C-alpha atoms as a PDB file:
ATOM      1  CA  MET A   1      -0.195 118.002  43.677  1.00  0.00           C
ATOM      2  CA  PRO A   2       2.061 115.628  45.809  1.00  0.00           C
ATOM      3  CA  ALA A   3       3.001 116.717  49.379  1.00  0.00           C
ATOM      4  CA  ARG A   4       6.500 117.962  49.997  1.00  0.00           C
ATOM      5  CA  ARG A   5       8.569 115.497  52.083  1.00  0.00           C
ATOM      6  CA  ALA A   6      11.860 117.446  52.348  1.00  0.00           C
ATOM      7  CA  PRO A   7      11.042 119.295  55.604  1.00  0.00           C
ATOM      8  CA  ALA A   8       9.973 116.031  57.352  1.00  0.00           C
ATOM      9  CA  LEU A   9      13.146 114.285  56.192  1.00  0.00           C
ATOM     10  CA  LEU A  10      15.223 117.175  57.521  1.00  0.00           C
ATOM     11  CA  SER A  11      13.496 116.912  60.909  1.00  0.00           C
ATOM     12  CA  VAL A  12      14.343 113.197  61.123  1.00  0.00           C
ATOM     13  CA  VAL A  13      18.001 113.911  60.395  1.00  0.00           C
ATOM     14  CA  ILE A  14      18.137 116.579  63.117  1.00  0.00           C
ATOM     15  CA  LEU A  15      16.529 114.227  65.718  1.00  0.00           C
ATOM     16  CA  VAL A  16      18.967 111.413  64.919  1.00  0.00           C
ATOM     17  CA  ALA A  17      21.897 113.783  65.278  1.00  0.00           C
ATOM     18  CA  CYS A  18      20.627 115.024  68.650  1.00  0.00           C
ATOM     19  CA  ALA A  19      20.129 111.466  69.892  1.00  0.00           C
ATOM     20  CA  HIS A  20      23.644 110.554  68.802  1.00  0.00           C
ATOM     21  CA  ARG A  21      25.057 113.461  70.830  1.00  0.00           C
ATOM     22  CA  LYS A  22      23.096 112.410  73.913  1.00  0.00           C
ATOM     23  CA  ASP A  23      24.526 108.861  73.648  1.00  0.00           C
ATOM     24  CA  GLU A  24      28.068 110.187  73.829  1.00  0.00           C
ATOM     25  CA  ALA A  25      29.732 109.553  77.188  1.00  0.00           C
ATOM     26  CA  ALA A  26      29.214 112.544  79.431  1.00  0.00           C
ATOM     27  CA  PRO A  27      32.021 113.493  81.808  1.00  0.00           C
ATOM     28  CA  ALA A  28      31.578 111.806  85.215  1.00  0.00           C
ATOM     29  CA  PRO A  29      30.435 114.208  87.925  1.00  0.00           C
ATOM     30  CA  ALA A  30      32.923 115.007  90.669  1.00  0.00           C
ATOM     31  CA  ALA A  31      32.626 112.759  93.704  1.00  0.00           C
ATOM     32  CA  VAL A  32      30.737 114.339  96.581  1.00  0.00           C
ATOM     33  CA  HIS A  33      31.645 113.187 100.070  1.00  0.00           C
ATOM     34  CA  GLU A  34      28.483 113.161 102.141  1.00  0.00           C
ATOM     35  CA  PRO A  35      28.854 113.537 105.916  1.00  0.00           C
ATOM     36  CA  ALA A  36      28.220 110.364 107.877  1.00  0.00           C
ATOM     37  CA  PRO A  37      24.725 110.020 109.383  1.00  0.00           C
ATOM     38  CA  GLU A  38      24.404 111.150 112.967  1.00  0.00           C
ATOM     39  CA  SER A  39      23.863 107.550 114.102  1.00  0.00           C
ATOM     40  CA  GLU A  40      27.327 106.663 112.817  1.00  0.00           C
ATOM     41  CA  GLN A  41      29.082 109.569 114.502  1.00  0.00           C
ATOM     42  CA  PHE A  42      30.283 108.809 118.016  1.00  0.00           C
ATOM     43  CA  ALA A  43      31.464 111.041 120.793  1.00  0.00           C
ATOM     44  CA  PHE A  44      31.996 109.953 124.392  1.00  0.00           C
ATOM     45  CA  VAL A  45      32.513 112.437 127.180  1.00  0.00           C
ATOM     46  CA  SER A  46      33.698 111.120 130.513  1.00  0.00           C
ATOM     47  CA  THR A  47      35.318 112.173 133.749  1.00  0.00           C
ATOM     48  CA  ASP A  48      38.934 111.834 134.783  1.00  0.00           C
ATOM     49  CA  ASN A  49      38.033 108.879 136.970  1.00  0.00           C
ATOM     50  CA  ASN A  50      36.358 106.867 134.250  1.00  0.00           C
ATOM     51  CA  THR A  51      37.678 107.445 130.763  1.00  0.00           C
ATOM     52  CA  ALA A  52      36.665 104.337 128.874  1.00  0.00           C
ATOM     53  CA  ALA A  53      33.289 103.180 127.587  1.00  0.00           C
ATOM     54  CA  ARG A  54      32.251  99.703 128.724  1.00  0.00           C
ATOM     55  CA  THR A  55      30.435  97.230 126.508  1.00  0.00           C
ATOM     56  CA  GLU A  56      28.235  94.324 127.456  1.00  0.00           C
ATOM     57  CA  ALA A  57      31.072  91.854 126.866  1.00  0.00           C
ATOM     58  CA  PRO A  58      33.854  91.512 129.461  1.00  0.00           C
ATOM     59  CA  GLU A  59      36.750  93.918 129.124  1.00  0.00           C
ATOM     60  CA  GLU A  60      40.257  92.710 128.513  1.00  0.00           C
ATOM     61  CA  GLY A  61      41.531  91.405 131.822  1.00  0.00           C
ATOM     62  CA  GLU A  62      38.058  90.386 132.998  1.00  0.00           C
ATOM     63  CA  GLY A  63      37.009  86.775 133.215  1.00  0.00           C
ATOM     64  CA  GLU A  64      33.748  85.191 132.223  1.00  0.00           C
ATOM     65  CA  ILE A  65      31.185  84.543 134.961  1.00  0.00           C
ATOM     66  CA  ALA A  66      31.592  80.868 135.815  1.00  0.00           C
ATOM     67  CA  GLY A  67      28.599  79.025 137.188  1.00  0.00           C
ATOM     68  CA  ASP A  68      24.896  78.697 136.494  1.00  0.00           C
ATOM     69  CA  PHE A  69      23.513  81.757 138.295  1.00  0.00           C
ATOM     70  CA  ALA A  70      19.934  82.945 137.931  1.00  0.00           C
ATOM     71  CA  VAL A  71      20.839  86.667 138.052  1.00  0.00           C
ATOM     72  CA  LYS A  72      23.907  87.981 136.241  1.00  0.00           C
ATOM     73  CA  SER A  73      23.113  91.686 135.737  1.00  0.00           C
ATOM     74  CA  PRO A  74      22.033  94.671 137.852  1.00  0.00           C
ATOM     75  CA  ASP A  75      18.978  95.258 135.668  1.00  0.00           C
ATOM     76  CA  ALA A  76      17.734  91.709 136.237  1.00  0.00           C
ATOM     77  CA  ALA A  77      18.195  92.134 139.994  1.00  0.00           C
ATOM     78  CA  LYS A  78      16.262  95.417 139.992  1.00  0.00           C
ATOM     79  CA  GLU A  79      13.397  93.922 138.017  1.00  0.00           C
ATOM     80  CA  LEU A  80      13.062  91.121 140.567  1.00  0.00           C
ATOM     81  CA  ALA A  81      13.208  93.632 143.446  1.00  0.00           C
ATOM     82  CA  GLN A  82      10.521  95.831 141.897  1.00  0.00           C
ATOM     83  CA  ALA A  83       8.252  92.853 141.246  1.00  0.00           C
ATOM     84  CA  ALA A  84       8.675  91.640 144.834  1.00  0.00           C
ATOM     85  CA  VAL A  85       7.644  94.955 146.408  1.00  0.00           C
ATOM     86  CA  ALA A  86       5.189  96.259 143.792  1.00  0.00           C
ATOM     87  CA  ASP A  87       2.036  95.438 145.765  1.00  0.00           C
ATOM     88  CA  ARG A  88       3.376  97.214 148.860  1.00  0.00           C
ATOM     89  CA  LEU A  89       4.266 100.552 147.289  1.00  0.00           C
ATOM     90  CA  ASP A  90       1.811 103.396 147.846  1.00  0.00           C
ATOM     91  CA  LYS A  91       0.424 104.194 144.394  1.00  0.00           C
ATOM     92  CA  LYS A  92      -0.176 107.801 145.427  1.00  0.00           C
ATOM     93  CA  LYS A  93       3.557 108.352 145.840  1.00  0.00           C
ATOM     94  CA  THR A  94       6.467 108.411 143.426  1.00  0.00           C
ATOM     95  CA  TRP A  95       9.275 105.984 144.233  1.00  0.00           C
ATOM     96  CA  ARG A  96      12.999 106.136 143.665  1.00  0.00           C
ATOM     97  CA  THR A  97      15.391 103.235 143.961  1.00  0.00           C
ATOM     98  CA  SER A  98      18.977 103.008 145.102  1.00  0.00           C
ATOM     99  CA  PRO A  99      21.666 101.406 142.979  1.00  0.00           C
ATOM    100  CA  VAL A 100      22.192  97.691 143.653  1.00  0.00           C
ATOM    101  CA  LEU A 101      24.298  97.330 146.803  1.00  0.00           C
ATOM    102  CA  PRO A 102      25.887  94.347 148.557  1.00  0.00           C
ATOM    103  CA  THR A 103      23.738  92.905 151.352  1.00  0.00           C
ATOM    104  CA  THR A 104      26.861  92.761 153.541  1.00  0.00           C
ATOM    105  CA  TRP A 105      30.421  93.995 153.160  1.00  0.00           C
ATOM    106  CA  PRO A 106      32.795  92.303 153.044  1.00  0.00           C
ATOM    107  CA  ALA A 107      30.422  90.122 151.055  1.00  0.00           C
ATOM    108  CA  SER A 108      29.304  86.924 152.744  1.00  0.00           C
ATOM    109  CA  GLU A 109      26.695  85.889 150.168  1.00  0.00           C
ATOM    110  CA  ARG A 110      25.990  86.247 146.462  1.00  0.00           C
ATOM    111  CA  ALA A 111      23.152  88.730 146.832  1.00  0.00           C
ATOM    112  CA  VAL A 112      22.377  92.414 146.336  1.00  0.00           C
ATOM    113  CA  ALA A 113      20.023  94.842 148.073  1.00  0.00           C
ATOM    114  CA  VAL A 114      17.836  97.542 146.517  1.00  0.00           C
ATOM    115  CA  TYR A 115      16.277 100.322 148.640  1.00  0.00           C
ATOM    116  CA  PHE A 116      12.998 102.056 147.760  1.00  0.00           C
ATOM    117  CA  TYR A 117      12.501 105.730 148.611  1.00  0.00           C
ATOM    118  CA  PRO A 118       9.030 107.349 148.615  1.00  0.00           C
ATOM    119  CA  MET A 119       8.447 110.875 147.331  1.00  0.00           C
ATOM    120  CA  ALA A 120       5.329 112.880 148.143  1.00  0.00           C
ATOM    121  CA  ALA A 121       3.907 116.122 146.796  1.00  0.00           C
ATOM    122  CA  ASN A 122       5.394 119.220 148.358  1.00  0.00           C
ATOM    123  CA  PRO A 123       2.662 121.574 149.660  1.00  0.00           C
ATOM    124  CA  HIS A 124       5.056 124.513 149.323  1.00  0.00           C
ATOM    125  CA  SER A 125       6.297 123.893 145.766  1.00  0.00           C
ATOM    126  CA  LEU A 126       4.989 122.453 142.513  1.00  0.00           C
ATOM    127  CA  GLU A 127       8.489 121.724 141.238  1.00  0.00           C
ATOM    128  CA  HIS A 128       9.937 119.941 144.265  1.00  0.00           C
ATOM    129  CA  TYR A 129       8.948 116.723 146.005  1.00  0.00           C
ATOM    130  CA  GLN A 130       9.424 115.694 149.612  1.00  0.00           C
ATOM    131  CA  LEU A 131      11.874 112.789 149.679  1.00  0.00           C
ATOM    132  CA  PHE A 132      11.739 110.303 152.550  1.00  0.00           C
ATOM    133  CA  SER A 133      14.241 107.779 153.832  1.00  0.00           C
ATOM    134  CA  ALA A 134      14.040 104.236 152.507  1.00  0.00           C
ATOM    135  CA  ALA A 135      10.758 102.466 153.300  1.00  0.00           C
ATOM    136  CA  TYR A 136      11.700  99.043 151.909  1.00  0.00           C
ATOM    137  CA  ARG A 137      14.799  96.991 151.328  1.00  0.00           C
ATOM    138  CA  VAL A 138      14.631  94.065 148.914  1.00  0.00           C
ATOM    139  CA  ASP A 139      17.395  91.444 148.969  1.00  0.00           C
ATOM    140  CA  VAL A 140      17.852  89.544 145.705  1.00  0.00           C
ATOM    141  CA  SER A 141      19.792  86.292 145.530  1.00  0.00           C
ATOM    142  CA  LEU A 142      22.046  86.167 142.478  1.00  0.00           C
ATOM    143  CA  VAL A 143      22.188  82.387 142.814  1.00  0.00           C
ATOM    144  CA  ASP A 144      18.514  81.497 142.379  1.00  0.00           C
ATOM    145  CA  GLY A 145      16.671  84.837 141.993  1.00  0.00           C
ATOM    146  CA  THR A 146      14.711  84.572 145.234  1.00  0.00           C
ATOM    147  CA  THR A 147      13.787  87.831 146.984  1.00  0.00           C
ATOM    148  CA  LYS A 148      13.238  88.992 150.550  1.00  0.00           C
ATOM    149  CA  VAL A 149      11.286  92.170 151.313  1.00  0.00           C
ATOM    150  CA  VAL A 150      12.258  93.987 154.507  1.00  0.00           C
ATOM    151  CA  PRO A 151       9.984  96.898 155.555  1.00  0.00           C
ATOM    152  CA  ILE A 152      11.847  99.778 157.203  1.00  0.00           C
ATOM    153  CA  ALA A 153       9.906 101.555 159.919  1.00  0.00           C
ATOM    154  CA  LYS A 154       9.818 105.255 160.736  1.00  0.00           C
ATOM    155  CA  ALA A 155      10.596 106.775 157.363  1.00  0.00           C
ATOM    156  CA  LYS A 156      11.408 110.448 157.749  1.00  0.00           C
ATOM    157  CA  MET A 157      11.786 113.301 155.307  1.00  0.00           C
ATOM    158  CA  ILE A 158      15.406 113.653 154.230  1.00  0.00           C
ATOM    159  CA  GLY A 159      15.093 116.539 151.786  1.00  0.00           C
ATOM    160  CA  THR A 160      13.271 118.100 148.851  1.00  0.00           C
ATOM    161  CA  VAL A 161      14.190 117.118 145.302  1.00  0.00           C
ATOM    162  CA  THR A 162      13.065 117.616 141.717  1.00  0.00           C
ATOM    163  CA  ASP A 163      11.966 114.627 139.682  1.00  0.00           C
ATOM    164  CA  THR A 164      14.713 114.762 137.041  1.00  0.00           C
ATOM    165  CA  ARG A 165      16.255 112.036 134.920  1.00  0.00           C
ATOM    166  CA  PRO A 166      19.974 111.262 135.211  1.00  0.00           C
ATOM    167  CA  THR A 167      22.236 112.312 132.359  1.00  0.00           C
ATOM    168  CA  SER A 168      23.430 109.623 129.957  1.00  0.00           C
ATOM    169  CA  LEU A 169      26.966 109.929 131.369  1.00  0.00           C
ATOM    170  CA  GLU A 170      25.767 109.587 134.971  1.00  0.00           C
ATOM    171  CA  ARG A 171      23.676 106.555 133.984  1.00  0.00           C
ATOM    172  CA  ARG A 172      26.636 105.038 132.118  1.00  0.00           C
ATOM    173  CA  GLU A 173      29.027 105.403 135.031  1.00  0.00           C
ATOM    174  CA  LEU A 174      26.526 103.874 137.436  1.00  0.00           C
ATOM    175  CA  ASP A 175      25.890 100.985 135.012  1.00  0.00           C
ATOM    176  CA  ILE A 176      29.610 100.230 135.029  1.00  0.00           C
ATOM    177  CA  ALA A 177      29.806 100.361 138.827  1.00  0.00           C
ATOM    178  CA  GLU A 178      26.761  98.142 139.392  1.00  0.00           C
ATOM    179  CA  ALA A 179      27.962  95.623 136.816  1.00  0.00           C
ATOM    180  CA  ALA A 180      31.380  95.498 138.486  1.00  0.00           C
ATOM    181  CA  LEU A 181      29.740  94.718 141.842  1.00  0.00           C
ATOM    182  CA  VAL A 182      27.585  91.932 140.439  1.00  0.00           C
ATOM    183  CA  ARG A 183      30.548  90.416 138.584  1.00  0.00           C
ATOM    184  CA  GLN A 184      32.684  90.539 141.717  1.00  0.00           C
ATOM    185  CA  LEU A 185      29.960  88.909 143.809  1.00  0.00           C
ATOM    186  CA  LEU A 186      29.715  86.128 141.221  1.00  0.00           C
ATOM    187  CA  GLY A 187      33.454  85.501 141.369  1.00  0.00           C
ATOM    188  CA  ALA A 188      34.502  87.003 138.029  1.00  0.00           C
ATOM    189  CA  ASP A 189      37.746  88.901 137.629  1.00  0.00           C
ATOM    190  CA  ILE A 190      37.409  92.683 137.411  1.00  0.00           C
ATOM    191  CA  ALA A 191      39.566  94.650 134.976  1.00  0.00           C
ATOM    192  CA  SER A 192      42.345  96.532 136.689  1.00  0.00           C
ATOM    193  CA  GLY A 193      42.952 100.208 136.027  1.00  0.00           C
ATOM    194  CA  GLU A 194      40.442 102.926 136.831  1.00  0.00           C
ATOM    195  CA  ASN A 195      38.109 102.562 139.786  1.00  0.00           C
ATOM    196  CA  ASN A 196      35.218 100.548 138.335  1.00  0.00           C
ATOM    197  CA  TYR A 197      33.076 101.589 141.305  1.00  0.00           C
ATOM    198  CA  TRP A 198      33.431 105.338 140.668  1.00  0.00           C
ATOM    199  CA  GLY A 199      29.789 105.500 139.537  1.00  0.00           C
ATOM    200  CA  TYR A 200      28.585 104.878 143.100  1.00  0.00           C
ATOM    201  CA  LEU A 201      30.421 107.935 144.378  1.00  0.00           C
ATOM    202  CA  LYS A 202      29.185 109.988 141.429  1.00  0.00           C
ATOM    203  CA  PHE A 203      25.590 108.941 142.151  1.00  0.00           C
ATOM    204  CA  MET A 204      25.927 109.884 145.829  1.00  0.00           C
ATOM    205  CA  HIS A 205      27.361 113.252 144.833  1.00  0.00           C
ATOM    206  CA  GLU A 206      24.560 113.959 142.347  1.00  0.00           C
ATOM    207  CA  HIS A 207      21.870 112.742 144.789  1.00  0.00           C
ATOM    208  CA  PRO A 208      23.203 113.763 148.215  1.00  0.00           C
ATOM    209  CA  GLU A 209      19.952 113.059 150.098  1.00  0.00           C
ATOM    210  CA  ILE A 210      19.845 109.421 148.973  1.00  0.00           C
ATOM    211  CA  GLY A 211      23.643 109.288 149.154  1.00  0.00           C
ATOM    212  CA  ARG A 212      23.670 110.088 152.863  1.00  0.00           C
ATOM    213  CA  ASP A 213      20.981 107.469 153.491  1.00  0.00           C
ATOM    214  CA  ILE A 214      22.976 104.866 151.541  1.00  0.00           C
ATOM    215  CA  GLU A 215      26.098 105.680 153.520  1.00  0.00           C
ATOM    216  CA  LYS A 216      24.214 104.932 156.753  1.00  0.00           C
ATOM    217  CA  ARG A 217      22.911 101.608 155.468  1.00  0.00           C
ATOM    218  CA  ALA A 218      25.954 100.398 153.516  1.00  0.00           C
ATOM    219  CA  GLY A 219      28.712 102.308 155.259  1.00  0.00           C
ATOM    220  CA  SER A 220      31.392  99.607 155.028  1.00  0.00           C
ATOM    221  CA  PHE A 221      30.909  99.257 151.276  1.00  0.00           C
ATOM    222  CA  VAL A 222      30.894 103.020 150.663  1.00  0.00           C
ATOM    223  CA  LYS A 223      34.065 103.417 152.738  1.00  0.00           C
ATOM    224  CA  TRP A 224      35.749 100.640 150.740  1.00  0.00           C
ATOM    225  CA  VAL A 225      34.793 102.296 147.436  1.00  0.00           C
ATOM    226  CA  LYS A 226      36.154 105.672 148.578  1.00  0.00           C
ATOM    227  CA  HIS A 227      39.520 104.189 149.567  1.00  0.00           C
ATOM    228  CA  LYS A 228      39.736 101.436 146.917  1.00  0.00           C
ATOM    229  CA  ASP A 229      42.647 103.077 145.088  1.00  0.00           C
ATOM    230  CA  ASP A 230      44.520 104.342 148.159  1.00  0.00           C
END
């Protein structure tokens, strides 16, 4: 007796109909607006004395650095200073550095100075270190990158501090101030407006022990920064 084919034929018809319905254009889903990734979201918080972010390129109103100088940035000067004094630093101590400062003020040469401050363990506290006055000064020529290490005798304890990192805003403001000094020493125009050197005063306020030591060693410069906008 021959097999019945009607049920199989019916199944084929049903499958074709279902496939035809699936091929019909489905309504487009509603557009979903995804939030931007965190890396693309930007927020800058500043103080009243420094309200604009600074980029690597010169700001409007600033001129390019003219001349073939070996050192054109604070970071490059600090790297040279650290390399020059590395073999003299006591490895048993932690060291802090000052911001780059002019070797003289008013400036008589295209050079900056970096001071190195030793910190020792505090026998009375596990969280605080004993901070001593500067033990070394390193002068860095912006012209040719040469360095001069000047030992400073009779370092004395100037306070107790915690070994904390600066905030991103504090670091940013100091970056702007140091860059302004280097640019000025190299003869470039500095943008007018807010006090570009505000970061020095902010650093001295946040680190009063080192700030007082800096004021003794670079008093003319600190005084000029304080009264720059008077």
